[in-house]
Amino acid sequence: MGKRRKPIDFTDKRLYYSIKEVADHFAVNVSLLRFWEKEFDNINPKKTAGGTRQYTKEDIRQVGIVYHLVKENGLTLEGARQALKSKKDDEEKRIELLERLQNIKNELVSIEEEFYQLHEQQKYSKTKPEI
């Protein structure tokens, strides 16, 4: 059984996320993120004086681009590096679009839940609507 994905809620106001949270978000090992950090210039999280990595939302987006190229498209590391050089803008736009679509989906699910709750309240309400 593989790791389960635990998506990060990007709607909060946090500035930094731990390497464990980022690893869980992509369902990968922490060691893979450290490895990618060495292999890809675009992944460069801030480190505290103690060496703890602090990922910003932009850092996570960059990890997402590499994840897409390597894990979803099956490119080798060299292939992913070449793709980043030649198609960086296209890939960033695609990732941004996917993030926007996920936000829209989350909003629709929230509206659906609210609608359902209102419907349940109405169903069990003893007052009859005025005509």
C-alpha atoms as a PDB file:
ATOM      1  CA  MET A   1       0.000   0.000   0.000  1.00  0.00           C
ATOM      2  CA  GLY A   2       1.449   3.382  -1.056  1.00  0.00           C
ATOM      3  CA  LYS A   3       1.470   6.667   0.755  1.00  0.00           C
ATOM      4  CA  ARG A   4      -1.795   8.562   0.886  1.00  0.00           C
ATOM      5  CA  ARG A   5      -1.920  12.131  -0.283  1.00  0.00           C
ATOM      6  CA  LYS A   6      -2.721  14.777   2.331  1.00  0.00           C
ATOM      7  CA  PRO A   7      -3.322  17.979   0.354  1.00  0.00           C
ATOM      8  CA  ILE A   8      -2.191  21.257   1.857  1.00  0.00           C
ATOM      9  CA  ASP A   9      -4.879  23.892   2.334  1.00  0.00           C
ATOM     10  CA  PHE A  10      -3.394  26.847   0.482  1.00  0.00           C
ATOM     11  CA  THR A  11      -6.233  29.153   1.516  1.00  0.00           C
ATOM     12  CA  ASP A  12      -4.720  29.695   4.954  1.00  0.00           C
ATOM     13  CA  LYS A  13      -2.380  32.588   5.696  1.00  0.00           C
ATOM     14  CA  ARG A  14       0.704  30.527   6.524  1.00  0.00           C
ATOM     15  CA  LEU A  15       3.972  31.599   4.961  1.00  0.00           C
ATOM     16  CA  TYR A  16       5.936  28.371   5.418  1.00  0.00           C
ATOM     17  CA  TYR A  17       5.292  24.636   5.336  1.00  0.00           C
ATOM     18  CA  SER A  18       7.508  21.825   6.633  1.00  0.00           C
ATOM     19  CA  ILE A  19       9.194  19.298   4.371  1.00  0.00           C
ATOM     20  CA  LYS A  20       6.951  16.611   5.928  1.00  0.00           C
ATOM     21  CA  GLU A  21       3.797  18.535   4.963  1.00  0.00           C
ATOM     22  CA  VAL A  22       5.085  18.981   1.404  1.00  0.00           C
ATOM     23  CA  ALA A  23       6.040  15.302   1.166  1.00  0.00           C
ATOM     24  CA  ASP A  24       2.582  14.294   2.405  1.00  0.00           C
ATOM     25  CA  HIS A  25       0.956  16.707  -0.061  1.00  0.00           C
ATOM     26  CA  PHE A  26       2.602  14.882  -2.983  1.00  0.00           C
ATOM     27  CA  ALA A  27       2.570  11.441  -1.295  1.00  0.00           C
ATOM     28  CA  VAL A  28       6.349  11.105  -1.652  1.00  0.00           C
ATOM     29  CA  ASN A  29       9.157  10.492   0.815  1.00  0.00           C
ATOM     30  CA  VAL A  30      10.959  13.383   2.480  1.00  0.00           C
ATOM     31  CA  SER A  31      14.219  11.974   1.093  1.00  0.00           C
ATOM     32  CA  LEU A  32      12.895  12.390  -2.468  1.00  0.00           C
ATOM     33  CA  LEU A  33      12.263  16.092  -1.856  1.00  0.00           C
ATOM     34  CA  ARG A  34      15.806  16.512  -0.523  1.00  0.00           C
ATOM     35  CA  PHE A  35      17.114  14.692  -3.597  1.00  0.00           C
ATOM     36  CA  TRP A  36      15.078  16.864  -5.987  1.00  0.00           C
ATOM     37  CA  GLU A  37      16.362  19.951  -4.182  1.00  0.00           C
ATOM     38  CA  LYS A  38      19.908  18.909  -5.156  1.00  0.00           C
ATOM     39  CA  GLU A  39      18.911  17.980  -8.719  1.00  0.00           C
ATOM     40  CA  PHE A  40      16.691  20.937  -9.671  1.00  0.00           C
ATOM     41  CA  ASP A  41      17.634  24.598  -9.346  1.00  0.00           C
ATOM     42  CA  ASN A  42      13.997  25.687  -9.190  1.00  0.00           C
ATOM     43  CA  ILE A  43      13.461  23.880  -5.852  1.00  0.00           C
ATOM     44  CA  ASN A  44      15.177  25.963  -3.213  1.00  0.00           C
ATOM     45  CA  PRO A  45      13.348  26.179   0.124  1.00  0.00           C
ATOM     46  CA  LYS A  46      14.597  28.550   2.794  1.00  0.00           C
ATOM     47  CA  LYS A  47      16.564  26.921   5.608  1.00  0.00           C
ATOM     48  CA  THR A  48      16.614  28.091   9.209  1.00  0.00           C
ATOM     49  CA  ALA A  49      19.889  28.440  11.131  1.00  0.00           C
ATOM     50  CA  GLY A  50      19.294  24.891  12.355  1.00  0.00           C
ATOM     51  CA  GLY A  51      18.879  23.589   8.788  1.00  0.00           C
ATOM     52  CA  THR A  52      15.100  23.110   8.898  1.00  0.00           C
ATOM     53  CA  ARG A  53      13.565  23.563   5.465  1.00  0.00           C
ATOM     54  CA  GLN A  54      10.718  26.058   5.143  1.00  0.00           C
ATOM     55  CA  TYR A  55       8.705  25.779   1.935  1.00  0.00           C
ATOM     56  CA  THR A  56       6.727  28.745   0.630  1.00  0.00           C
ATOM     57  CA  LYS A  57       3.705  28.326  -1.620  1.00  0.00           C
ATOM     58  CA  GLU A  58       5.978  29.144  -4.576  1.00  0.00           C
ATOM     59  CA  ASP A  59       8.460  26.459  -3.487  1.00  0.00           C
ATOM     60  CA  ILE A  60       5.602  23.949  -3.338  1.00  0.00           C
ATOM     61  CA  ARG A  61       4.478  25.024  -6.796  1.00  0.00           C
ATOM     62  CA  GLN A  62       7.994  24.360  -8.102  1.00  0.00           C
ATOM     63  CA  VAL A  63       7.967  20.909  -6.481  1.00  0.00           C
ATOM     64  CA  GLY A  64       4.595  20.375  -8.178  1.00  0.00           C
ATOM     65  CA  ILE A  65       6.112  21.090 -11.576  1.00  0.00           C
ATOM     66  CA  VAL A  66       8.920  18.577 -11.017  1.00  0.00           C
ATOM     67  CA  TYR A  67       6.438  16.060  -9.598  1.00  0.00           C
ATOM     68  CA  HIS A  68       4.272  16.390 -12.692  1.00  0.00           C
ATOM     69  CA  LEU A  69       7.197  15.944 -15.070  1.00  0.00           C
ATOM     70  CA  VAL A  70       8.826  13.021 -13.263  1.00  0.00           C
ATOM     71  CA  LYS A  71       5.975  11.137 -11.581  1.00  0.00           C
ATOM     72  CA  GLU A  72       3.018  11.847 -13.879  1.00  0.00           C
ATOM     73  CA  ASN A  73       4.760  12.223 -17.253  1.00  0.00           C
ATOM     74  CA  GLY A  74       7.454   9.654 -16.479  1.00  0.00           C
ATOM     75  CA  LEU A  75      10.385  11.802 -17.579  1.00  0.00           C
ATOM     76  CA  THR A  76      13.907  11.037 -16.419  1.00  0.00           C
ATOM     77  CA  LEU A  77      15.600  13.646 -14.253  1.00  0.00           C
ATOM     78  CA  GLU A  78      17.551  14.870 -17.273  1.00  0.00           C
ATOM     79  CA  GLY A  79      14.374  14.958 -19.339  1.00  0.00           C
ATOM     80  CA  ALA A  80      12.650  16.950 -16.627  1.00  0.00           C
ATOM     81  CA  ARG A  81      15.566  19.419 -16.472  1.00  0.00           C
ATOM     82  CA  GLN A  82      15.375  19.902 -20.239  1.00  0.00           C
ATOM     83  CA  ALA A  83      11.600  20.352 -20.100  1.00  0.00           C
ATOM     84  CA  LEU A  84      12.001  22.964 -17.366  1.00  0.00           C
ATOM     85  CA  LYS A  85      14.425  24.899 -19.541  1.00  0.00           C
ATOM     86  CA  SER A  86      12.313  24.796 -22.685  1.00  0.00           C
ATOM     87  CA  LYS A  87       8.754  24.657 -21.403  1.00  0.00           C
ATOM     88  CA  LYS A  88       8.891  26.353 -18.029  1.00  0.00           C
ATOM     89  CA  ASP A  89       6.258  28.949 -18.841  1.00  0.00           C
ATOM     90  CA  ASP A  90       3.869  26.387 -20.359  1.00  0.00           C
ATOM     91  CA  GLU A  91       4.290  24.019 -17.428  1.00  0.00           C
ATOM     92  CA  GLU A  92       3.841  26.791 -14.861  1.00  0.00           C
ATOM     93  CA  LYS A  93       0.660  27.942 -16.612  1.00  0.00           C
ATOM     94  CA  ARG A  94      -0.670  24.378 -16.621  1.00  0.00           C
ATOM     95  CA  ILE A  95       0.046  23.913 -12.903  1.00  0.00           C
ATOM     96  CA  GLU A  96      -1.519  27.301 -12.131  1.00  0.00           C
ATOM     97  CA  LEU A  97      -4.622  26.338 -14.119  1.00  0.00           C
ATOM     98  CA  LEU A  98      -4.900  23.026 -12.254  1.00  0.00           C
ATOM     99  CA  GLU A  99      -4.621  24.896  -8.930  1.00  0.00           C
ATOM    100  CA  ARG A 100      -7.371  27.308  -9.985  1.00  0.00           C
ATOM    101  CA  LEU A 101      -9.618  24.443 -11.054  1.00  0.00           C
ATOM    102  CA  GLN A 102      -9.022  22.698  -7.711  1.00  0.00           C
ATOM    103  CA  ASN A 103      -9.984  25.916  -5.881  1.00  0.00           C
ATOM    104  CA  ILE A 104     -13.171  26.185  -7.964  1.00  0.00           C
ATOM    105  CA  LYS A 105     -13.987  22.550  -7.215  1.00  0.00           C
ATOM    106  CA  ASN A 106     -13.454  23.124  -3.472  1.00  0.00           C
ATOM    107  CA  GLU A 107     -15.747  26.173  -3.592  1.00  0.00           C
ATOM    108  CA  LEU A 108     -18.459  24.210  -5.432  1.00  0.00           C
ATOM    109  CA  VAL A 109     -18.248  21.374  -2.912  1.00  0.00           C
ATOM    110  CA  SER A 110     -18.593  23.929  -0.107  1.00  0.00           C
ATOM    111  CA  ILE A 111     -21.661  25.474  -1.778  1.00  0.00           C
ATOM    112  CA  GLU A 112     -23.156  22.019  -2.301  1.00  0.00           C
ATOM    113  CA  GLU A 113     -22.679  21.186   1.397  1.00  0.00           C
ATOM    114  CA  GLU A 114     -24.246  24.478   2.433  1.00  0.00           C
ATOM    115  CA  PHE A 115     -27.183  23.869   0.087  1.00  0.00           C
ATOM    116  CA  TYR A 116     -27.659  20.384   1.531  1.00  0.00           C
ATOM    117  CA  GLN A 117     -27.651  21.747   5.103  1.00  0.00           C
ATOM    118  CA  LEU A 118     -30.202  24.414   4.211  1.00  0.00           C
ATOM    119  CA  HIS A 119     -32.349  21.809   2.477  1.00  0.00           C
ATOM    120  CA  GLU A 120     -32.256  19.573   5.559  1.00  0.00           C
ATOM    121  CA  GLN A 121     -33.202  22.513   7.812  1.00  0.00           C
ATOM    122  CA  GLN A 122     -36.132  23.403   5.532  1.00  0.00           C
ATOM    123  CA  LYS A 123     -37.270  19.783   5.361  1.00  0.00           C
ATOM    124  CA  TYR A 124     -37.629  19.517   9.124  1.00  0.00           C
ATOM    125  CA  SER A 125     -38.900  23.022   9.745  1.00  0.00           C
ATOM    126  CA  LYS A 126     -42.449  23.176  11.165  1.00  0.00           C
ATOM    127  CA  THR A 127     -43.222  26.533   9.629  1.00  0.00           C
ATOM    128  CA  LYS A 128     -44.997  26.490   6.326  1.00  0.00           C
ATOM    129  CA  PRO A 129     -43.872  28.891   3.612  1.00  0.00           C
ATOM    130  CA  GLU A 130     -46.065  31.921   3.061  1.00  0.00           C
ATOM    131  CA  ILE A 131     -47.986  31.987  -0.184  1.00  0.00           C
END
